[in-house]
Amino acid sequence: MSLMRYYYSELAHISKVGGAFYKPLFFEYPDEVTQDIYSHQSRNIMLGRSIKLSILSDHAGTSESSDTSVYYPAGTWCGVFARKGAKNNCIIQKTGGLVTLDDYAFTYNVDLKAGGIIPLQNNFVKIAFTTVELQFEPIELHIVPDCSVANKDCSATGEYFNDDGETLHKTAFNLYNFSYQQAQGLTPAKLTLTSDYKNDYGFKINQNDVVDGIQIYQAALYGLDKGTYEVTAKYNNIDT
């Protein structure tokens, strides 16, 4: 439920351009040549373009199998839930490799990859039981900046699609393209929120068009927590 707005956005994207939502990791990383990315296809899943599900779906949590490893491609991957700070929350891989999960059946990680921005509604706090209830709640933006290139700006992008969940009109929606850019260790930081399309009823369809908070993962590690952020919201390239 917390990720429902992300799922909905990704499926809306796929309906227009094609592709798959629930897919083996190697679909998204076809240039990875290591056998580890193919050995446990059911354990290494991409949910859309930005989230990796690592799950011991074939592990019974007994002594029958001691292999509890999953594969992570090179880059930074940050856990969306149960965050414990920079040291424990994010997996940083200089090259692709195996990561060992806890030895329990169906142990899982849900990680947002570097360079991604996703909408999230923390349902551990909101406790909505239906998608209709979620429409009365604002969203948060969760960002993992890509700071992999030395002396280059950290950056991230994302796409968010919102409609009322009922209207059949194909243009009655809001589509947002998010972009983030900041020089490492410098201030001020800038976050730009851009709406490419306005729906037929007016700017706000429901509370899902309201941003209630922005979370930037590993901000302290890369010096992105210095000073105050400047946030600009644009509709059709006009500042609002």
Protein backbone atom coordinates (compact mmCIF):
# COMPACT_ATOMS: atom_id res chain seq x y z
CA MET A 1 0.00 0.00 0.00
CA SER A 2 2.87 2.39 0.75
CA LEU A 3 4.17 1.96 -2.80
CA MET A 4 0.77 2.00 -4.53
CA ARG A 5 1.37 5.40 -6.19
CA TYR A 6 4.70 4.15 -7.56
CA TYR A 7 3.14 0.93 -8.87
CA TYR A 8 0.30 2.87 -10.51
CA SER A 9 2.74 5.30 -12.13
CA GLU A 10 4.92 2.52 -13.51
CA LEU A 11 1.95 0.60 -14.91
CA ALA A 12 0.65 3.79 -16.55
CA HIS A 13 4.08 4.25 -18.14
CA ILE A 14 4.13 0.65 -19.39
CA SER A 15 0.64 0.97 -20.86
CA LYS A 16 1.94 3.74 -23.11
CA VAL A 17 5.45 2.59 -24.07
CA GLY A 18 5.40 -1.15 -23.36
CA GLY A 19 7.58 -3.25 -21.08
CA ALA A 20 7.08 -5.22 -17.89
CA PHE A 21 6.55 -4.25 -14.26
CA TYR A 22 7.49 -7.45 -12.37
CA LYS A 23 10.59 -8.75 -14.13
CA PRO A 24 13.86 -10.59 -13.50
CA LEU A 25 16.77 -8.30 -12.64
CA PHE A 26 18.65 -9.13 -15.85
CA PHE A 27 15.80 -7.59 -17.89
CA GLU A 28 16.93 -4.21 -16.56
CA TYR A 29 20.66 -5.03 -16.67
CA PRO A 30 21.17 -7.01 -19.90
CA ASP A 31 24.89 -6.15 -20.07
CA GLU A 32 25.70 -7.92 -16.80
CA VAL A 33 27.62 -11.03 -17.78
CA THR A 34 28.09 -12.69 -14.38
CA GLN A 35 26.26 -15.95 -13.82
CA ASP A 36 25.09 -14.71 -10.41
CA ILE A 37 22.47 -12.46 -11.98
CA TYR A 38 20.88 -15.52 -13.64
CA SER A 39 21.37 -18.15 -10.90
CA HIS A 40 18.45 -17.03 -8.73
CA GLN A 41 16.01 -15.29 -11.04
CA SER A 42 13.15 -15.56 -8.55
CA ARG A 43 15.24 -13.85 -5.86
CA ASN A 44 16.31 -10.84 -7.91
CA ILE A 45 13.31 -8.89 -9.19
CA MET A 46 12.88 -5.37 -10.53
CA LEU A 47 9.57 -3.68 -9.74
CA GLY A 48 9.33 -1.11 -12.49
CA ARG A 49 12.39 0.97 -13.32
CA SER A 50 13.58 2.05 -9.89
CA ILE A 51 12.92 -0.57 -7.19
CA LYS A 52 14.66 -3.90 -6.64
CA LEU A 53 12.95 -6.68 -4.69
CA SER A 54 15.43 -9.14 -3.20
CA ILE A 55 13.52 -12.04 -1.68
CA LEU A 56 14.40 -15.57 -0.55
CA SER A 57 11.34 -16.95 -2.28
CA ASP A 58 12.89 -20.40 -2.71
CA HIS A 59 14.48 -20.65 0.75
CA ALA A 60 12.77 -22.54 3.57
CA GLY A 61 14.84 -21.01 6.36
CA THR A 62 16.18 -24.39 7.45
CA SER A 63 19.52 -26.18 7.35
CA GLU A 64 18.57 -27.74 4.01
CA SER A 65 20.16 -24.79 2.22
CA SER A 66 22.80 -22.37 3.50
CA ASP A 67 22.67 -20.12 0.42
CA THR A 68 20.86 -16.89 1.27
CA SER A 69 22.59 -14.67 -1.27
CA VAL A 70 21.07 -12.22 -3.73
CA TYR A 71 22.74 -10.23 -6.50
CA TYR A 72 23.13 -6.46 -6.61
CA PRO A 73 24.49 -4.68 -9.71
CA ALA A 74 27.11 -1.97 -9.28
CA GLY A 75 25.75 1.20 -7.70
CA THR A 76 23.94 2.34 -4.58
CA TRP A 77 20.73 0.66 -3.40
CA CYS A 78 18.85 2.07 -0.41
CA GLY A 79 16.18 0.29 1.61
CA VAL A 80 12.82 2.01 1.39
CA PHE A 81 11.52 0.52 4.65
CA ALA A 82 13.10 0.06 8.10
CA ARG A 83 15.81 2.60 7.39
CA LYS A 84 18.58 2.64 9.99
CA GLY A 85 20.88 5.38 8.72
CA ALA A 86 23.55 5.57 6.04
CA LYS A 87 25.70 2.70 7.35
CA ASN A 88 22.93 0.09 7.55
CA ASN A 89 20.32 1.34 5.14
CA CYS A 90 22.18 1.41 1.81
CA ILE A 91 24.14 -1.21 -0.08
CA ILE A 92 27.00 0.28 -2.10
CA GLN A 93 28.46 -1.98 -4.77
CA LYS A 94 31.58 -0.80 -6.61
CA THR A 95 31.11 -3.79 -8.88
CA GLY A 96 28.17 -6.18 -9.10
CA GLY A 97 28.21 -8.91 -6.47
CA LEU A 98 26.36 -11.10 -3.99
CA VAL A 99 24.86 -9.85 -0.73
CA THR A 100 23.83 -12.25 2.05
CA LEU A 101 20.36 -11.83 3.57
CA ASP A 102 19.21 -13.07 6.98
CA ASP A 103 18.57 -16.81 7.12
CA TYR A 104 14.76 -16.77 7.26
CA ALA A 105 12.20 -17.95 4.76
CA PHE A 106 10.99 -15.15 2.48
CA THR A 107 13.42 -12.59 3.94
CA TYR A 108 13.32 -9.60 1.61
CA ASN A 109 14.81 -6.19 0.87
CA VAL A 110 13.01 -3.43 -1.06
CA ASP A 111 15.65 -1.04 -2.43
CA LEU A 112 15.47 2.18 -4.41
CA LYS A 113 18.36 2.45 -6.83
CA ALA A 114 20.61 5.50 -7.11
CA GLY A 115 19.28 8.08 -9.52
CA GLY A 116 15.64 7.32 -8.72
CA ILE A 117 12.80 9.46 -7.36
CA ILE A 118 9.58 7.71 -6.34
CA PRO A 119 6.25 8.73 -4.75
CA LEU A 120 5.52 6.98 -1.45
CA GLN A 121 2.73 7.04 1.15
CA ASN A 122 3.89 5.60 4.46
CA ASN A 123 1.01 3.24 5.22
CA PHE A 124 2.65 2.15 8.47
CA VAL A 125 1.52 5.59 9.69
CA LYS A 126 -1.58 6.27 7.57
CA ILE A 127 -3.08 2.75 7.88
CA ALA A 128 -5.28 2.90 4.78
CA PHE A 129 -7.13 -0.31 3.91
CA THR A 130 -8.23 0.58 0.37
CA THR A 131 -6.81 2.53 -2.55
CA VAL A 132 -9.77 4.92 -2.21
CA GLU A 133 -8.57 5.85 1.29
CA LEU A 134 -5.10 6.51 -0.09
CA GLN A 135 -6.55 9.21 -2.37
CA PHE A 136 -7.22 11.35 0.72
CA GLU A 137 -3.53 11.27 1.71
CA PRO A 138 -0.60 13.32 0.33
CA ILE A 139 2.57 11.73 -0.98
CA GLU A 140 6.23 11.94 -0.03
CA LEU A 141 9.06 12.01 -2.56
CA HIS A 142 11.91 9.61 -1.83
CA ILE A 143 15.19 10.33 -3.59
CA VAL A 144 18.46 8.40 -3.85
CA PRO A 145 20.89 10.75 -5.62
CA ASP A 146 23.37 9.23 -8.05
CA CYS A 147 26.75 10.56 -6.88
CA SER A 148 28.82 7.84 -8.56
CA VAL A 149 30.97 10.13 -10.73
CA ALA A 150 33.63 12.05 -8.81
CA ASN A 151 33.49 15.84 -9.09
CA LYS A 152 30.15 15.63 -10.89
CA ASP A 153 26.75 16.78 -9.70
CA CYS A 154 24.55 14.28 -7.89
CA SER A 155 21.34 13.74 -9.82
CA ALA A 156 18.07 11.82 -9.84
CA THR A 157 14.90 11.67 -11.92
CA GLY A 158 11.45 10.19 -11.57
CA GLU A 159 7.97 10.08 -13.05
CA TYR A 160 4.68 10.24 -11.20
CA PHE A 161 1.21 9.65 -12.69
CA ASN A 162 -1.99 10.49 -10.84
CA ASP A 163 -5.69 10.32 -11.70
CA ASP A 164 -8.89 9.69 -9.74
CA GLY A 165 -8.83 5.94 -10.33
CA GLU A 166 -12.30 5.95 -11.91
CA THR A 167 -12.55 8.39 -14.81
CA LEU A 168 -12.27 6.68 -18.20
CA HIS A 169 -11.19 9.84 -20.04
CA LYS A 170 -7.68 9.16 -21.36
CA THR A 171 -6.40 12.69 -20.71
CA ALA A 172 -7.88 13.25 -17.25
CA PHE A 173 -4.65 12.89 -15.29
CA ASN A 174 -1.63 14.70 -13.93
CA LEU A 175 1.83 13.60 -15.06
CA TYR A 176 4.85 14.86 -13.13
CA ASN A 177 8.49 14.60 -14.15
CA PHE A 178 10.84 15.13 -11.21
CA SER A 179 14.48 16.14 -11.44
CA TYR A 180 17.13 16.65 -8.77
CA GLN A 181 20.62 18.04 -9.14
CA GLN A 182 23.24 19.17 -6.64
CA ALA A 183 27.00 19.55 -6.56
CA GLN A 184 28.51 17.26 -3.92
CA GLY A 185 29.16 19.04 -0.64
CA LEU A 186 27.89 22.40 -1.85
CA THR A 187 24.90 24.59 -1.08
CA PRO A 188 22.28 25.59 -2.01
CA ALA A 189 20.72 22.44 -3.37
CA LYS A 190 17.98 22.64 -5.95
CA LEU A 191 15.03 20.35 -6.50
CA THR A 192 12.78 20.99 -9.48
CA LEU A 193 9.27 19.53 -9.71
CA THR A 194 7.78 19.77 -13.18
CA SER A 195 4.21 19.04 -14.25
CA ASP A 196 4.06 18.29 -17.97
CA TYR A 197 0.28 17.93 -18.24
CA LYS A 198 -2.73 19.42 -16.53
CA ASN A 199 -5.90 17.38 -16.15
CA ASP A 200 -9.36 18.37 -17.35
CA TYR A 201 -10.75 19.39 -13.93
CA GLY A 202 -8.10 21.78 -12.65
CA PHE A 203 -4.71 21.47 -11.03
CA LYS A 204 -5.46 19.14 -8.09
CA ILE A 205 -7.40 15.92 -8.65
CA ASN A 206 -7.12 14.68 -5.06
CA GLN A 207 -4.67 14.75 -2.13
CA ASN A 208 -2.26 12.56 -4.11
CA ASP A 209 -1.30 15.77 -5.93
CA VAL A 210 0.00 17.22 -2.65
CA VAL A 211 3.65 16.71 -1.59
CA ASP A 212 3.87 16.37 2.19
CA GLY A 213 7.61 15.76 2.47
CA ILE A 214 10.86 15.04 0.65
CA GLN A 215 13.37 12.46 1.85
CA ILE A 216 16.89 12.39 0.39
CA TYR A 217 18.83 9.26 1.23
CA GLN A 218 22.53 9.46 2.20
CA ALA A 219 22.40 13.25 2.20
CA ALA A 220 25.04 13.53 4.94
CA LEU A 221 27.39 11.05 3.24
CA TYR A 222 27.73 13.22 0.15
CA GLY A 223 27.43 16.58 1.89
CA LEU A 224 23.95 17.21 0.54
CA ASP A 225 22.60 18.29 3.93
CA LYS A 226 24.34 21.66 4.00
CA GLY A 227 22.10 24.69 4.01
CA THR A 228 18.48 24.97 2.97
CA TYR A 229 17.01 23.40 -0.14
CA GLU A 230 15.45 25.56 -2.80
CA VAL A 231 12.39 23.82 -4.22
CA THR A 232 10.85 25.04 -7.48
CA ALA A 233 7.52 23.74 -8.80
CA LYS A 234 6.84 24.34 -12.48
CA TYR A 235 3.74 23.82 -14.58
CA ASN A 236 4.37 23.99 -18.34
CA ASN A 237 7.75 25.62 -17.60
CA ILE A 238 6.14 28.39 -15.53
CA ASP A 239 7.25 28.79 -11.90
CA THR A 240 4.44 28.41 -9.37
